[in-house]
Protein backbone atom coordinates (compact mmCIF):
# COMPACT_ATOMS: atom_id res chain seq x y z
CA UNK A 1 63.41 117.32 59.26
CA UNK A 2 65.16 114.42 57.48
CA UNK A 3 62.12 112.14 57.87
CA UNK A 4 59.01 114.18 57.53
CA UNK A 5 60.28 117.45 56.22
CA UNK A 6 61.30 119.10 53.01
CA UNK A 7 62.80 122.36 51.81
CA UNK A 8 61.07 124.10 48.94
CA UNK A 9 63.20 126.45 46.91
CA UNK A 10 61.52 128.69 44.25
CA UNK A 11 62.96 129.50 40.90
CA UNK A 12 64.33 132.94 40.82
CA UNK A 13 61.99 135.59 39.59
CA UNK A 14 58.17 135.90 39.90
CA UNK A 15 55.21 133.65 39.16
CA UNK A 16 52.69 134.04 36.36
CA UNK A 17 50.47 135.85 38.82
CA UNK A 18 53.37 138.31 39.41
CA UNK A 19 54.12 137.08 42.97
CA UNK A 20 57.59 136.80 44.35
CA UNK A 21 58.14 133.26 45.81
CA UNK A 22 59.99 132.54 48.89
CA UNK A 23 61.57 129.44 50.22
CA UNK A 24 59.67 127.33 52.63
CA UNK A 25 60.52 124.46 55.21
CA UNK A 26 57.55 122.13 55.39
CA UNK A 27 56.96 119.22 57.82
CA UNK A 28 54.21 116.86 56.94
CA UNK A 29 52.49 114.63 59.41
CA UNK A 30 49.20 113.02 60.44
CA UNK A 31 46.66 115.46 61.93
CA UNK A 32 46.89 113.52 65.18
CA UNK A 33 50.40 115.14 65.60
CA UNK A 34 48.90 118.57 65.71
CA UNK A 35 49.58 118.91 69.49
CA UNK A 36 53.27 117.96 69.07
CA UNK A 37 53.75 120.46 66.21
CA UNK A 38 51.87 123.22 68.12
CA UNK A 39 54.28 122.62 70.99
CA UNK A 40 57.28 122.87 68.58
CA UNK A 41 55.81 126.06 67.18
CA UNK A 42 55.47 127.54 70.64
CA UNK A 43 59.12 126.53 71.47
CA UNK A 44 60.26 128.25 68.24
CA UNK A 45 58.58 131.53 69.33
CA UNK A 46 55.34 131.10 67.35
CA UNK A 47 56.93 130.87 63.86
CA UNK A 48 55.33 129.07 61.04
CA UNK A 49 51.70 128.24 60.26
CA UNK A 50 49.56 125.14 59.94
CA UNK A 51 47.74 123.86 56.88
CA UNK A 52 45.32 120.88 56.70
CA UNK A 53 45.58 118.93 53.51
CA UNK A 54 42.78 116.50 52.81
CA UNK A 55 41.08 114.98 55.87
CA UNK A 56 44.15 113.89 57.91
CA UNK A 57 47.38 115.41 56.62
CA UNK A 58 48.89 118.34 58.60
CA UNK A 59 51.64 120.65 57.15
CA UNK A 60 53.58 122.92 59.40
CA UNK A 61 55.07 125.56 57.13
CA UNK A 62 57.80 127.95 57.92
CA UNK A 63 58.06 130.42 55.12
CA UNK A 64 59.15 133.79 56.47
CA UNK A 65 62.74 134.75 56.62
CA UNK A 66 62.95 135.14 60.35
CA UNK A 67 61.41 131.68 60.94
CA UNK A 68 63.62 130.11 58.26
CA UNK A 69 66.67 131.61 59.82
CA UNK A 70 65.77 130.39 63.26
CA UNK A 71 65.38 126.80 61.95
CA UNK A 72 68.45 126.82 59.78
CA UNK A 73 70.54 127.96 62.85
CA UNK A 74 68.90 125.15 64.86
CA UNK A 75 69.45 122.29 62.46
CA UNK A 76 72.69 123.35 60.79
CA UNK A 77 75.39 120.63 61.31
CA UNK A 78 72.77 118.12 62.64
CA UNK A 79 71.71 116.43 59.34
CA UNK A 80 73.20 113.12 57.98
CA UNK A 81 71.28 112.60 54.75
CA UNK A 82 71.36 114.43 51.39
CA UNK A 83 68.87 116.87 52.84
CA UNK A 84 71.98 118.60 54.17
CA UNK A 85 72.80 119.47 50.51
CA UNK A 86 69.34 120.98 50.21
CA UNK A 87 69.76 122.89 53.38
CA UNK A 88 72.90 124.40 51.92
CA UNK A 89 70.97 125.24 48.81
CA UNK A 90 68.56 127.09 51.07
CA UNK A 91 71.45 128.82 52.83
CA UNK A 92 72.83 129.99 49.59
CA UNK A 93 69.46 131.22 48.45
CA UNK A 94 68.65 133.23 51.54
CA UNK A 95 72.18 134.56 51.85
CA UNK A 96 71.98 135.97 48.25
CA UNK A 97 68.34 137.12 48.42
CA UNK A 98 68.46 138.79 51.91
CA UNK A 99 72.10 139.73 51.99
CA UNK A 100 72.78 137.41 54.87
CA UNK A 101 76.00 135.61 55.79
CA UNK A 102 74.86 132.19 57.23
CA UNK A 103 77.60 129.62 57.11
CA UNK A 104 76.98 126.32 55.19
CA UNK A 105 75.87 123.31 57.17
CA UNK A 106 78.36 120.41 57.63
CA UNK A 107 77.22 116.94 57.46
CA UNK A 108 76.89 115.35 60.92
CA UNK A 109 79.45 112.67 61.08
CA UNK A 110 79.38 112.07 64.94
CA UNK A 111 78.87 108.67 66.40
CA UNK A 112 75.20 107.68 65.93
CA UNK A 113 74.72 107.06 69.71
CA UNK A 114 75.84 110.58 70.60
CA UNK A 115 72.57 112.32 69.92
CA UNK A 116 68.87 111.55 69.21
CA UNK A 117 69.05 111.86 65.44
CA UNK A 118 68.37 108.06 64.92
CA UNK A 119 65.31 108.24 67.12
CA UNK A 120 63.75 111.01 65.18
CA UNK A 121 64.68 109.53 61.85
CA UNK A 122 63.09 106.14 62.81
CA UNK A 123 60.03 107.90 64.29
CA UNK A 124 59.44 109.45 60.83
CA UNK A 125 60.29 106.58 58.48
CA UNK A 126 60.65 103.40 60.47
CA UNK A 127 59.20 101.19 63.14
CA UNK A 128 60.04 98.44 65.55
CA UNK A 129 57.56 95.58 65.64
CA UNK A 130 56.84 92.57 67.91
CA UNK A 131 55.00 89.57 66.73
CA UNK A 132 53.83 86.75 69.08
CA UNK A 133 52.66 83.47 67.67
CA UNK A 134 50.73 81.01 69.83
CA UNK A 135 51.45 77.33 69.57
CA UNK A 136 49.22 75.32 67.30
CA UNK A 137 49.16 71.59 66.96
CA UNK A 138 49.10 69.67 63.76
CA UNK A 139 45.75 69.42 62.00
CA UNK A 140 43.99 68.26 58.93
CA UNK A 141 44.76 71.67 57.32
CA UNK A 142 48.24 72.15 58.96
CA UNK A 143 50.99 69.50 58.27
CA UNK A 144 53.28 70.84 60.99
CA UNK A 145 52.75 72.04 64.57
CA UNK A 146 53.77 75.58 65.36
CA UNK A 147 55.63 76.39 68.47
CA UNK A 148 55.01 79.50 70.54
CA UNK A 149 57.49 82.04 69.30
CA UNK A 150 58.15 85.79 69.47
CA UNK A 151 59.98 87.95 66.85
CA UNK A 152 61.35 91.41 67.03
CA UNK A 153 61.80 93.43 63.86
CA UNK A 154 63.11 96.82 62.90
CA UNK A 155 62.21 98.30 59.50
CA UNK A 156 63.37 101.62 58.02
CA UNK A 157 62.27 102.53 54.52
CA UNK A 158 63.85 105.15 52.37
CA UNK A 159 63.83 105.80 48.67
CA UNK A 160 67.18 105.13 46.98
CA UNK A 161 67.70 108.66 45.77
CA UNK A 162 66.86 112.09 47.34
CA UNK A 163 64.85 113.74 44.60
CA UNK A 164 65.78 117.36 44.82
CA UNK A 165 69.44 116.76 44.51
CA UNK A 166 69.59 113.26 43.08
CA UNK A 167 71.88 112.04 45.79
CA UNK A 168 72.01 108.41 47.00
CA UNK A 169 70.62 107.40 50.35
CA UNK A 170 73.07 104.49 50.54
CA UNK A 171 75.79 106.20 52.68
CA UNK A 172 73.28 106.99 55.57
CA UNK A 173 71.65 103.57 55.34
CA UNK A 174 75.10 101.89 55.47
CA UNK A 175 75.95 104.03 58.43
CA UNK A 176 72.74 102.87 60.22
CA UNK A 177 73.46 99.23 59.38
CA UNK A 178 76.90 99.64 60.73
CA UNK A 179 75.61 101.13 63.87
CA UNK A 180 73.50 98.04 64.52
CA UNK A 181 76.26 95.60 63.55
CA UNK A 182 78.93 97.16 65.85
CA UNK A 183 76.41 96.91 68.82
CA UNK A 184 75.76 93.13 68.30
């Protein structure tokens, strides 16, 4: 959710086409991940629908109140980024619109190694890389020889601010950095 998902909240009222807009939870991925999302959909009781965007973008959209409520109950208290604020905006919206009484989601402040949050976040927005360079001697074009070496890299990219609520991503990125530094 925090990597490849977003929560869409409509303005109150109706559209120019006189349609009532409902909130949606949308996951965006490459079409090659359809099997994974179909499995997730089956585990969630068949909620949501798929939409192909362009040639290779897949959207898994949960827009009915039953499906949204199921997902809210599953992820509540498990988010670490500003998307938790957006989740609380969604909870407020559906509580008011559908006369529900869902509690707000607390930010997950548990130890990063206590659950699989970091693995999912990295899968969406990061990667690990391995680079192997073979030895090369000096030559007319190369002033120095190069020794055989291997490097391991981890990269996680995030925008500085979460757009919907204009919150900084710095706290969660500092939390992740601290997680690595305390392990070394």
